[in-house]
Amino acid sequence: MSTTKKTSSERLAKIILAPVISEKATFVGEKHNQALFRVMRDATKPEVKAAVEFLFKVEVESVQILNRAGKQKRSGKTVGRKNHVKHAFVCLKPGQEIQFTGGA
């Protein structure tokens, strides 16, 4: 069931919400040549791959998706929940690099 669906450039621009800059993301980036992004909850692997290639002009080797459930938090009697988050680990082809810092 491999149906190829063309995605518009507007959709591709909205798929990636933000890069994840943390100690774990930096370690993964250095060790495995990957970048970590927070993506829309309904995004698929092919859409994430196309979005990264479209926005950053790099070649993507593979994409792994991680769905994180929001933690339940409590303040007194009130019980709440943080939002669910979807992360994408994007493995870049050798020689490719994404710079998040805007250094000259």
PDB file of N, CA and C in Angstrom:
ATOM      1  N   MET A   1       0.818  -1.176   0.000  1.00  0.00           N
ATOM      2  CA  MET A   1       0.000   0.000   0.000  1.00  0.00           C
ATOM      3  C   MET A   1       0.867   1.248   0.000  1.00  0.00           C
ATOM      4  N   SER A   2       1.673   1.416  -0.985  1.00  0.00           N
ATOM      5  CA  SER A   2       2.548   2.582  -1.022  1.00  0.00           C
ATOM      6  C   SER A   2       1.930   3.637  -1.931  1.00  0.00           C
ATOM      7  N   THR A   3       1.123   4.466  -1.345  1.00  0.00           N
ATOM      8  CA  THR A   3       0.524   5.542  -2.106  1.00  0.00           C
ATOM      9  C   THR A   3       1.372   6.784  -1.900  1.00  0.00           C
ATOM     10  N   THR A   4       1.890   7.321  -2.973  1.00  0.00           N
ATOM     11  CA  THR A   4       2.702   8.522  -2.877  1.00  0.00           C
ATOM     12  C   THR A   4       1.790   9.730  -2.978  1.00  0.00           C
ATOM     13  N   LYS A   5       1.862  10.566  -1.969  1.00  0.00           N
ATOM     14  CA  LYS A   5       1.007  11.741  -1.911  1.00  0.00           C
ATOM     15  C   LYS A   5       1.890  12.973  -1.993  1.00  0.00           C
ATOM     16  N   LYS A   6       1.629  13.833  -2.951  1.00  0.00           N
ATOM     17  CA  LYS A   6       2.381  15.067  -3.090  1.00  0.00           C
ATOM     18  C   LYS A   6       1.966  16.017  -1.970  1.00  0.00           C
ATOM     19  N   THR A   7       2.960  16.593  -1.319  1.00  0.00           N
ATOM     20  CA  THR A   7       2.697  17.521  -0.245  1.00  0.00           C
ATOM     21  C   THR A   7       3.065  18.922  -0.705  1.00  0.00           C
ATOM     22  N   SER A   8       2.202  19.879  -0.428  1.00  0.00           N
ATOM     23  CA  SER A   8       2.451  21.249  -0.862  1.00  0.00           C
ATOM     24  C   SER A   8       3.577  21.875  -0.046  1.00  0.00           C
ATOM     25  N   SER A   9       4.194  22.902  -0.587  1.00  0.00           N
ATOM     26  CA  SER A   9       5.288  23.571   0.114  1.00  0.00           C
ATOM     27  C   SER A   9       4.782  24.275   1.374  1.00  0.00           C
ATOM     28  N   GLU A  10       3.519  24.690   1.396  1.00  0.00           N
ATOM     29  CA  GLU A  10       2.936  25.292   2.595  1.00  0.00           C
ATOM     30  C   GLU A  10       2.878  24.263   3.722  1.00  0.00           C
ATOM     31  N   ARG A  11       2.450  23.064   3.405  1.00  0.00           N
ATOM     32  CA  ARG A  11       2.376  21.990   4.409  1.00  0.00           C
ATOM     33  C   ARG A  11       3.770  21.632   4.898  1.00  0.00           C
ATOM     34  N   LEU A  12       4.748  21.561   3.983  1.00  0.00           N
ATOM     35  CA  LEU A  12       6.109  21.217   4.367  1.00  0.00           C
ATOM     36  C   LEU A  12       6.701  22.256   5.312  1.00  0.00           C
ATOM     37  N   ALA A  13       6.363  23.514   5.105  1.00  0.00           N
ATOM     38  CA  ALA A  13       6.888  24.574   5.958  1.00  0.00           C
ATOM     39  C   ALA A  13       6.288  24.523   7.367  1.00  0.00           C
ATOM     40  N   LYS A  14       5.097  23.939   7.505  1.00  0.00           N
ATOM     41  CA  LYS A  14       4.432  23.885   8.802  1.00  0.00           C
ATOM     42  C   LYS A  14       4.720  22.609   9.587  1.00  0.00           C
ATOM     43  N   ILE A  15       5.261  21.582   8.954  1.00  0.00           N
ATOM     44  CA  ILE A  15       5.458  20.289   9.609  1.00  0.00           C
ATOM     45  C   ILE A  15       6.457  20.386  10.754  1.00  0.00           C
ATOM     46  N   ILE A  16       7.603  21.029  10.504  1.00  0.00           N
ATOM     47  CA  ILE A  16       8.630  21.143  11.539  1.00  0.00           C
ATOM     48  C   ILE A  16       8.298  22.339  12.414  1.00  0.00           C
ATOM     49  N   LEU A  17       8.057  22.077  13.705  1.00  0.00           N
ATOM     50  CA  LEU A  17       7.692  23.138  14.634  1.00  0.00           C
ATOM     51  C   LEU A  17       8.924  23.818  15.213  1.00  0.00           C
ATOM     52  N   ALA A  18       9.936  23.032  15.627  1.00  0.00           N
ATOM     53  CA  ALA A  18      11.131  23.620  16.224  1.00  0.00           C
ATOM     54  C   ALA A  18      12.223  22.563  16.320  1.00  0.00           C
ATOM     55  N   PRO A  19      13.484  22.980  16.246  1.00  0.00           N
ATOM     56  CA  PRO A  19      14.556  22.041  16.538  1.00  0.00           C
ATOM     57  C   PRO A  19      14.649  21.849  18.048  1.00  0.00           C
ATOM     58  N   VAL A  20      15.076  20.672  18.471  1.00  0.00           N
ATOM     59  CA  VAL A  20      15.249  20.398  19.893  1.00  0.00           C
ATOM     60  C   VAL A  20      16.725  20.583  20.204  1.00  0.00           C
ATOM     61  N   ILE A  21      17.032  21.568  21.027  1.00  0.00           N
ATOM     62  CA  ILE A  21      18.402  21.841  21.427  1.00  0.00           C
ATOM     63  C   ILE A  21      18.528  21.432  22.894  1.00  0.00           C
ATOM     64  N   SER A  22      19.114  20.278  23.125  1.00  0.00           N
ATOM     65  CA  SER A  22      19.301  19.777  24.474  1.00  0.00           C
ATOM     66  C   SER A  22      20.590  18.966  24.509  1.00  0.00           C
ATOM     67  N   GLU A  23      20.935  18.501  25.687  1.00  0.00           N
ATOM     68  CA  GLU A  23      22.159  17.706  25.828  1.00  0.00           C
ATOM     69  C   GLU A  23      22.049  16.396  25.048  1.00  0.00           C
ATOM     70  N   LYS A  24      20.894  15.745  25.128  1.00  0.00           N
ATOM     71  CA  LYS A  24      20.699  14.493  24.409  1.00  0.00           C
ATOM     72  C   LYS A  24      20.725  14.719  22.900  1.00  0.00           C
ATOM     73  N   ALA A  25      20.085  15.773  22.434  1.00  0.00           N
ATOM     74  CA  ALA A  25      20.049  16.058  21.000  1.00  0.00           C
ATOM     75  C   ALA A  25      21.446  16.370  20.465  1.00  0.00           C
ATOM     76  N   THR A  26      22.248  17.083  21.251  1.00  0.00           N
ATOM     77  CA  THR A  26      23.615  17.397  20.846  1.00  0.00           C
ATOM     78  C   THR A  26      24.459  16.129  20.781  1.00  0.00           C
ATOM     79  N   PHE A  27      24.308  15.254  21.766  1.00  0.00           N
ATOM     80  CA  PHE A  27      25.052  13.994  21.794  1.00  0.00           C
ATOM     81  C   PHE A  27      24.693  13.132  20.589  1.00  0.00           C
ATOM     82  N   VAL A  28      23.407  13.018  20.284  1.00  0.00           N
ATOM     83  CA  VAL A  28      22.950  12.219  19.141  1.00  0.00           C
ATOM     84  C   VAL A  28      23.457  12.829  17.836  1.00  0.00           C
ATOM     85  N   GLY A  29      23.439  14.154  17.764  1.00  0.00           N
ATOM     86  CA  GLY A  29      23.895  14.826  16.562  1.00  0.00           C
ATOM     87  C   GLY A  29      25.368  14.586  16.278  1.00  0.00           C
ATOM     88  N   GLU A  30      26.182  14.622  17.315  1.00  0.00           N
ATOM     89  CA  GLU A  30      27.614  14.409  17.144  1.00  0.00           C
ATOM     90  C   GLU A  30      27.948  12.944  16.863  1.00  0.00           C
ATOM     91  N   LYS A  31      27.287  12.043  17.557  1.00  0.00           N
ATOM     92  CA  LYS A  31      27.630  10.624  17.447  1.00  0.00           C
ATOM     93  C   LYS A  31      27.069   9.965  16.190  1.00  0.00           C
ATOM     94  N   HIS A  32      25.823  10.258  15.832  1.00  0.00           N
ATOM     95  CA  HIS A  32      25.144   9.546  14.751  1.00  0.00           C
ATOM     96  C   HIS A  32      24.807  10.419  13.545  1.00  0.00           C
ATOM     97  N   ASN A  33      25.275  11.661  13.533  1.00  0.00           N
ATOM     98  CA  ASN A  33      24.981  12.594  12.445  1.00  0.00           C
ATOM     99  C   ASN A  33      23.468  12.734  12.237  1.00  0.00           C
ATOM    100  N   GLN A  34      22.768  13.018  13.344  1.00  0.00           N
ATOM    101  CA  GLN A  34      21.323  13.176  13.318  1.00  0.00           C
ATOM    102  C   GLN A  34      20.940  14.550  13.848  1.00  0.00           C
ATOM    103  N   ALA A  35      19.744  14.976  13.514  1.00  0.00           N
ATOM    104  CA  ALA A  35      19.159  16.192  14.060  1.00  0.00           C
ATOM    105  C   ALA A  35      17.808  15.825  14.660  1.00  0.00           C
ATOM    106  N   LEU A  36      17.436  16.508  15.727  1.00  0.00           N
ATOM    107  CA  LEU A  36      16.189  16.212  16.430  1.00  0.00           C
ATOM    108  C   LEU A  36      15.249  17.404  16.295  1.00  0.00           C
ATOM    109  N   PHE A  37      14.018  17.131  15.827  1.00  0.00           N
ATOM    110  CA  PHE A  37      13.027  18.180  15.616  1.00  0.00           C
ATOM    111  C   PHE A  37      11.733  17.822  16.323  1.00  0.00           C
ATOM    112  N   ARG A  38      11.007  18.852  16.791  1.00  0.00           N
ATOM    113  CA  ARG A  38       9.638  18.671  17.250  1.00  0.00           C
ATOM    114  C   ARG A  38       8.760  18.905  16.034  1.00  0.00           C
ATOM    115  N   VAL A  39       7.862  17.962  15.746  1.00  0.00           N
ATOM    116  CA  VAL A  39       7.058  18.034  14.531  1.00  0.00           C
ATOM    117  C   VAL A  39       5.572  17.980  14.880  1.00  0.00           C
ATOM    118  N   MET A  40       4.731  18.259  13.889  1.00  0.00           N
ATOM    119  CA  MET A  40       3.286  18.205  14.083  1.00  0.00           C
ATOM    120  C   MET A  40       2.863  16.779  14.439  1.00  0.00           C
ATOM    121  N   ARG A  41       1.787  16.673  15.190  1.00  0.00           N
ATOM    122  CA  ARG A  41       1.339  15.362  15.663  1.00  0.00           C
ATOM    123  C   ARG A  41       0.854  14.456  14.540  1.00  0.00           C
ATOM    124  N   ASP A  42       0.404  15.022  13.417  1.00  0.00           N
ATOM    125  CA  ASP A  42      -0.107  14.199  12.326  1.00  0.00           C
ATOM    126  C   ASP A  42       0.917  14.016  11.202  1.00  0.00           C
ATOM    127  N   ALA A  43       2.161  14.407  11.423  1.00  0.00           N
ATOM    128  CA  ALA A  43       3.197  14.288  10.394  1.00  0.00           C
ATOM    129  C   ALA A  43       3.653  12.834  10.251  1.00  0.00           C
ATOM    130  N   THR A  44       3.960  12.440   9.022  1.00  0.00           N
ATOM    131  CA  THR A  44       4.455  11.100   8.746  1.00  0.00           C
ATOM    132  C   THR A  44       5.943  11.166   8.417  1.00  0.00           C
ATOM    133  N   LYS A  45       6.595  10.000   8.386  1.00  0.00           N
ATOM    134  CA  LYS A  45       8.026   9.954   8.088  1.00  0.00           C
ATOM    135  C   LYS A  45       8.362  10.552   6.715  1.00  0.00           C
ATOM    136  N   PRO A  46       7.646  10.193   5.648  1.00  0.00           N
ATOM    137  CA  PRO A  46       7.965  10.797   4.347  1.00  0.00           C
ATOM    138  C   PRO A  46       7.763  12.314   4.326  1.00  0.00           C
ATOM    139  N   GLU A  47       6.753  12.807   5.048  1.00  0.00           N
ATOM    140  CA  GLU A  47       6.540  14.248   5.114  1.00  0.00           C
ATOM    141  C   GLU A  47       7.667  14.948   5.858  1.00  0.00           C
ATOM    142  N   VAL A  48       8.137  14.353   6.956  1.00  0.00           N
ATOM    143  CA  VAL A  48       9.235  14.939   7.715  1.00  0.00           C
ATOM    144  C   VAL A  48      10.505  14.960   6.865  1.00  0.00           C
ATOM    145  N   LYS A  49      10.767  13.877   6.159  1.00  0.00           N
ATOM    146  CA  LYS A  49      11.943  13.818   5.290  1.00  0.00           C
ATOM    147  C   LYS A  49      11.875  14.901   4.221  1.00  0.00           C
ATOM    148  N   ALA A  50      10.734  15.038   3.567  1.00  0.00           N
ATOM    149  CA  ALA A  50      10.572  16.045   2.524  1.00  0.00           C
ATOM    150  C   ALA A  50      10.687  17.457   3.105  1.00  0.00           C
ATOM    151  N   ALA A  51      10.169  17.683   4.306  1.00  0.00           N
ATOM    152  CA  ALA A  51      10.213  19.003   4.929  1.00  0.00           C
ATOM    153  C   ALA A  51      11.644  19.402   5.272  1.00  0.00           C
ATOM    154  N   VAL A  52      12.424  18.474   5.825  1.00  0.00           N
ATOM    155  CA  VAL A  52      13.815  18.777   6.178  1.00  0.00           C
ATOM    156  C   VAL A  52      14.625  19.055   4.917  1.00  0.00           C
ATOM    157  N   GLU A  53      14.429  18.244   3.882  1.00  0.00           N
ATOM    158  CA  GLU A  53      15.150  18.472   2.630  1.00  0.00           C
ATOM    159  C   GLU A  53      14.742  19.795   1.993  1.00  0.00           C
ATOM    160  N   PHE A  54      13.473  20.164   2.107  1.00  0.00           N
ATOM    161  CA  PHE A  54      12.968  21.406   1.524  1.00  0.00           C
ATOM    162  C   PHE A  54      13.479  22.633   2.286  1.00  0.00           C
ATOM    163  N   LEU A  55      13.437  22.589   3.621  1.00  0.00           N
ATOM    164  CA  LEU A  55      13.785  23.752   4.427  1.00  0.00           C
ATOM    165  C   LEU A  55      15.285  23.965   4.589  1.00  0.00           C
ATOM    166  N   PHE A  56      16.049  22.884   4.762  1.00  0.00           N
ATOM    167  CA  PHE A  56      17.466  23.015   5.085  1.00  0.00           C
ATOM    168  C   PHE A  56      18.389  22.684   3.919  1.00  0.00           C
ATOM    169  N   LYS A  57      17.841  22.240   2.800  1.00  0.00           N
ATOM    170  CA  LYS A  57      18.636  21.916   1.597  1.00  0.00           C
ATOM    171  C   LYS A  57      19.742  20.902   1.898  1.00  0.00           C
ATOM    172  N   VAL A  58      19.372  19.825   2.583  1.00  0.00           N
ATOM    173  CA  VAL A  58      20.288  18.720   2.881  1.00  0.00           C
ATOM    174  C   VAL A  58      19.654  17.421   2.402  1.00  0.00           C
ATOM    175  N   GLU A  59      20.453  16.362   2.339  1.00  0.00           N
ATOM    176  CA  GLU A  59      19.944  15.048   1.959  1.00  0.00           C
ATOM    177  C   GLU A  59      19.724  14.222   3.221  1.00  0.00           C
ATOM    178  N   VAL A  60      18.544  13.625   3.331  1.00  0.00           N
ATOM    179  CA  VAL A  60      18.164  12.844   4.506  1.00  0.00           C
ATOM    180  C   VAL A  60      18.261  11.360   4.174  1.00  0.00           C
ATOM    181  N   GLU A  61      18.891  10.618   5.078  1.00  0.00           N
ATOM    182  CA  GLU A  61      19.014   9.174   4.888  1.00  0.00           C
ATOM    183  C   GLU A  61      17.800   8.437   5.439  1.00  0.00           C
ATOM    184  N   SER A  62      17.422   8.759   6.693  1.00  0.00           N
ATOM    185  CA  SER A  62      16.267   8.097   7.304  1.00  0.00           C
ATOM    186  C   SER A  62      15.664   8.982   8.378  1.00  0.00           C
ATOM    187  N   VAL A  63      14.454   8.606   8.811  1.00  0.00           N
ATOM    188  CA  VAL A  63      13.729   9.346   9.845  1.00  0.00           C
ATOM    189  C   VAL A  63      13.149   8.347  10.836  1.00  0.00           C
ATOM    190  N   GLN A  64      13.343   8.611  12.126  1.00  0.00           N
ATOM    191  CA  GLN A  64      12.706   7.829  13.180  1.00  0.00           C
ATOM    192  C   GLN A  64      11.787   8.772  13.946  1.00  0.00           C
ATOM    193  N   ILE A  65      10.596   8.282  14.282  1.00  0.00           N
ATOM    194  CA  ILE A  65       9.593   9.091  14.963  1.00  0.00           C
ATOM    195  C   ILE A  65       9.431   8.597  16.402  1.00  0.00           C
ATOM    196  N   LEU A  66       9.297   9.560  17.322  1.00  0.00           N
ATOM    197  CA  LEU A  66       9.098   9.249  18.733  1.00  0.00           C
ATOM    198  C   LEU A  66       7.870  10.005  19.217  1.00  0.00           C
ATOM    199  N   ASN A  67       6.863   9.290  19.692  1.00  0.00           N
ATOM    200  CA  ASN A  67       5.664   9.906  20.269  1.00  0.00           C
ATOM    201  C   ASN A  67       5.817   9.908  21.783  1.00  0.00           C
ATOM    202  N   ARG A  68       5.844  11.111  22.373  1.00  0.00           N
ATOM    203  CA  ARG A  68       5.959  11.236  23.821  1.00  0.00           C
ATOM    204  C   ARG A  68       4.615  11.633  24.389  1.00  0.00           C
ATOM    205  N   ALA A  69       4.118  10.836  25.318  1.00  0.00           N
ATOM    206  CA  ALA A  69       2.851  11.168  25.971  1.00  0.00           C
ATOM    207  C   ALA A  69       3.094  12.265  26.997  1.00  0.00           C
ATOM    208  N   GLY A  70       2.136  13.178  27.120  1.00  0.00           N
ATOM    209  CA  GLY A  70       2.253  14.260  28.089  1.00  0.00           C
ATOM    210  C   GLY A  70       2.142  13.734  29.511  1.00  0.00           C
ATOM    211  N   LYS A  71       2.977  14.283  30.382  1.00  0.00           N
ATOM    212  CA  LYS A  71       2.967  13.843  31.775  1.00  0.00           C
ATOM    213  C   LYS A  71       1.764  14.426  32.502  1.00  0.00           C
ATOM    214  N   GLN A  72       1.282  13.672  33.476  1.00  0.00           N
ATOM    215  CA  GLN A  72       0.187  14.153  34.301  1.00  0.00           C
ATOM    216  C   GLN A  72       0.779  14.954  35.454  1.00  0.00           C
ATOM    217  N   LYS A  73       0.315  16.182  35.636  1.00  0.00           N
ATOM    218  CA  LYS A  73       0.810  17.060  36.693  1.00  0.00           C
ATOM    219  C   LYS A  73      -0.326  17.414  37.621  1.00  0.00           C
ATOM    220  N   ARG A  74       0.036  17.755  38.841  1.00  0.00           N
ATOM    221  CA  ARG A  74      -0.971  18.024  39.840  1.00  0.00           C
ATOM    222  C   ARG A  74      -0.583  19.271  40.625  1.00  0.00           C
ATOM    223  N   SER A  75      -1.556  20.122  40.882  1.00  0.00           N
ATOM    224  CA  SER A  75      -1.359  21.314  41.694  1.00  0.00           C
ATOM    225  C   SER A  75      -2.500  21.372  42.702  1.00  0.00           C
ATOM    226  N   GLY A  76      -2.243  20.914  43.898  1.00  0.00           N
ATOM    227  CA  GLY A  76      -3.309  20.834  44.902  1.00  0.00           C
ATOM    228  C   GLY A  76      -4.297  19.758  44.516  1.00  0.00           C
ATOM    229  N   LYS A  77      -5.571  20.110  44.454  1.00  0.00           N
ATOM    230  CA  LYS A  77      -6.599  19.154  44.064  1.00  0.00           C
ATOM    231  C   LYS A  77      -6.744  19.036  42.554  1.00  0.00           C
ATOM    232  N   THR A  78      -6.256  20.038  41.824  1.00  0.00           N
ATOM    233  CA  THR A  78      -6.418  20.076  40.382  1.00  0.00           C
ATOM    234  C   THR A  78      -5.390  19.170  39.704  1.00  0.00           C
ATOM    235  N   VAL A  79      -5.871  18.326  38.811  1.00  0.00           N
ATOM    236  CA  VAL A  79      -4.996  17.445  38.049  1.00  0.00           C
ATOM    237  C   VAL A  79      -5.031  17.898  36.594  1.00  0.00           C
ATOM    238  N   GLY A  80      -3.859  18.078  36.037  1.00  0.00           N
ATOM    239  CA  GLY A  80      -3.770  18.501  34.642  1.00  0.00           C
ATOM    240  C   GLY A  80      -2.802  17.600  33.887  1.00  0.00           C
ATOM    241  N   ARG A  81      -2.619  17.887  32.619  1.00  0.00           N
ATOM    242  CA  ARG A  81      -1.738  17.082  31.800  1.00  0.00           C
ATOM    243  C   ARG A  81      -1.028  17.985  30.817  1.00  0.00           C
ATOM    244  N   LYS A  82       0.264  17.743  30.605  1.00  0.00           N
ATOM    245  CA  LYS A  82       1.010  18.470  29.577  1.00  0.00           C
ATOM    246  C   LYS A  82       0.637  17.887  28.219  1.00  0.00           C
ATOM    247  N   ASN A  83       0.898  18.639  27.168  1.00  0.00           N
ATOM    248  CA  ASN A  83       0.545  18.203  25.823  1.00  0.00           C
ATOM    249  C   ASN A  83       1.416  17.041  25.354  1.00  0.00           C
ATOM    250  N   HIS A  84       0.842  16.199  24.491  1.00  0.00           N
ATOM    251  CA  HIS A  84       1.609  15.149  23.839  1.00  0.00           C
ATOM    252  C   HIS A  84       2.526  15.805  22.803  1.00  0.00           C
ATOM    253  N   VAL A  85       3.698  15.200  22.580  1.00  0.00           N
ATOM    254  CA  VAL A  85       4.688  15.769  21.669  1.00  0.00           C
ATOM    255  C   VAL A  85       5.193  14.668  20.739  1.00  0.00           C
ATOM    256  N   LYS A  86       5.443  15.027  19.486  1.00  0.00           N
ATOM    257  CA  LYS A  86       6.028  14.098  18.523  1.00  0.00           C
ATOM    258  C   LYS A  86       7.387  14.636  18.123  1.00  0.00           C
ATOM    259  N   HIS A  87       8.428  13.800  18.273  1.00  0.00           N
ATOM    260  CA  HIS A  87       9.788  14.177  17.895  1.00  0.00           C
ATOM    261  C   HIS A  87      10.221  13.343  16.702  1.00  0.00           C
ATOM    262  N   ALA A  88      11.072  13.919  15.869  1.00  0.00           N
ATOM    263  CA  ALA A  88      11.612  13.210  14.712  1.00  0.00           C
ATOM    264  C   ALA A  88      13.131  13.252  14.776  1.00  0.00           C
ATOM    265  N   PHE A  89      13.755  12.078  14.785  1.00  0.00           N
ATOM    266  CA  PHE A  89      15.199  11.957  14.685  1.00  0.00           C
ATOM    267  C   PHE A  89      15.515  11.801  13.202  1.00  0.00           C
ATOM    268  N   VAL A  90      16.192  12.790  12.630  1.00  0.00           N
ATOM    269  CA  VAL A  90      16.479  12.807  11.199  1.00  0.00           C
ATOM    270  C   VAL A  90      17.950  12.469  11.004  1.00  0.00           C
ATOM    271  N   CYS A  91      18.216  11.342  10.351  1.00  0.00           N
ATOM    272  CA  CYS A  91      19.579  10.903  10.075  1.00  0.00           C
ATOM    273  C   CYS A  91      20.001  11.477   8.721  1.00  0.00           C
ATOM    274  N   LEU A  92      21.077  12.241   8.739  1.00  0.00           N
ATOM    275  CA  LEU A  92      21.569  12.882   7.525  1.00  0.00           C
ATOM    276  C   LEU A  92      22.590  11.994   6.822  1.00  0.00           C
ATOM    277  N   LYS A  93      22.693  12.149   5.508  1.00  0.00           N
ATOM    278  CA  LYS A  93      23.681  11.391   4.750  1.00  0.00           C
ATOM    279  C   LYS A  93      25.075  11.897   5.101  1.00  0.00           C
ATOM    280  N   PRO A  94      26.101  11.074   4.932  1.00  0.00           N
ATOM    281  CA  PRO A  94      27.470  11.499   5.270  1.00  0.00           C
ATOM    282  C   PRO A  94      27.860  12.761   4.509  1.00  0.00           C
ATOM    283  N   GLY A  95      28.493  13.681   5.226  1.00  0.00           N
ATOM    284  CA  GLY A  95      28.908  14.931   4.628  1.00  0.00           C
ATOM    285  C   GLY A  95      27.887  16.047   4.744  1.00  0.00           C
ATOM    286  N   GLN A  96      26.671  15.737   5.164  1.00  0.00           N
ATOM    287  CA  GLN A  96      25.603  16.736   5.317  1.00  0.00           C
ATOM    288  C   GLN A  96      25.593  17.247   6.753  1.00  0.00           C
ATOM    289  N   GLU A  97      25.216  18.511   6.934  1.00  0.00           N
ATOM    290  CA  GLU A  97      25.188  19.101   8.270  1.00  0.00           C
ATOM    291  C   GLU A  97      24.134  20.202   8.305  1.00  0.00           C
ATOM    292  N   ILE A  98      23.464  20.319   9.457  1.00  0.00           N
ATOM    293  CA  ILE A  98      22.492  21.391   9.666  1.00  0.00           C
ATOM    294  C   ILE A  98      23.041  22.272  10.788  1.00  0.00           C
ATOM    295  N   GLN A  99      23.152  23.565  10.515  1.00  0.00           N
ATOM    296  CA  GLN A  99      23.625  24.528  11.512  1.00  0.00           C
ATOM    297  C   GLN A  99      22.416  25.266  12.085  1.00  0.00           C
ATOM    298  N   PHE A 100      22.211  25.169  13.412  1.00  0.00           N
ATOM    299  CA  PHE A 100      21.115  25.866  14.052  1.00  0.00           C
ATOM    300  C   PHE A 100      21.550  27.233  14.564  1.00  0.00           C
ATOM    301  N   THR A 101      22.842  27.427  14.743  1.00  0.00           N
ATOM    302  CA  THR A 101      23.326  28.721  15.204  1.00  0.00           C
ATOM    303  C   THR A 101      23.473  29.645  14.017  1.00  0.00           C
ATOM    304  N   GLY A 102      23.120  30.875  14.181  1.00  0.00           N
ATOM    305  CA  GLY A 102      23.164  31.839  13.076  1.00  0.00           C
ATOM    306  C   GLY A 102      24.492  32.571  12.998  1.00  0.00           C
ATOM    307  N   GLY A 103      25.600  31.889  13.290  1.00  0.00           N
ATOM    308  CA  GLY A 103      26.923  32.531  13.254  1.00  0.00           C
ATOM    309  C   GLY A 103      27.332  32.887  11.846  1.00  0.00           C
ATOM    310  N   ALA A 104      28.102  33.977  11.742  1.00  0.00           N
ATOM    311  CA  ALA A 104      28.553  34.427  10.426  1.00  0.00           C
ATOM    312  C   ALA A 104      29.761  33.657   9.952  1.00  0.00           C
TER     313      ALA A 104
END
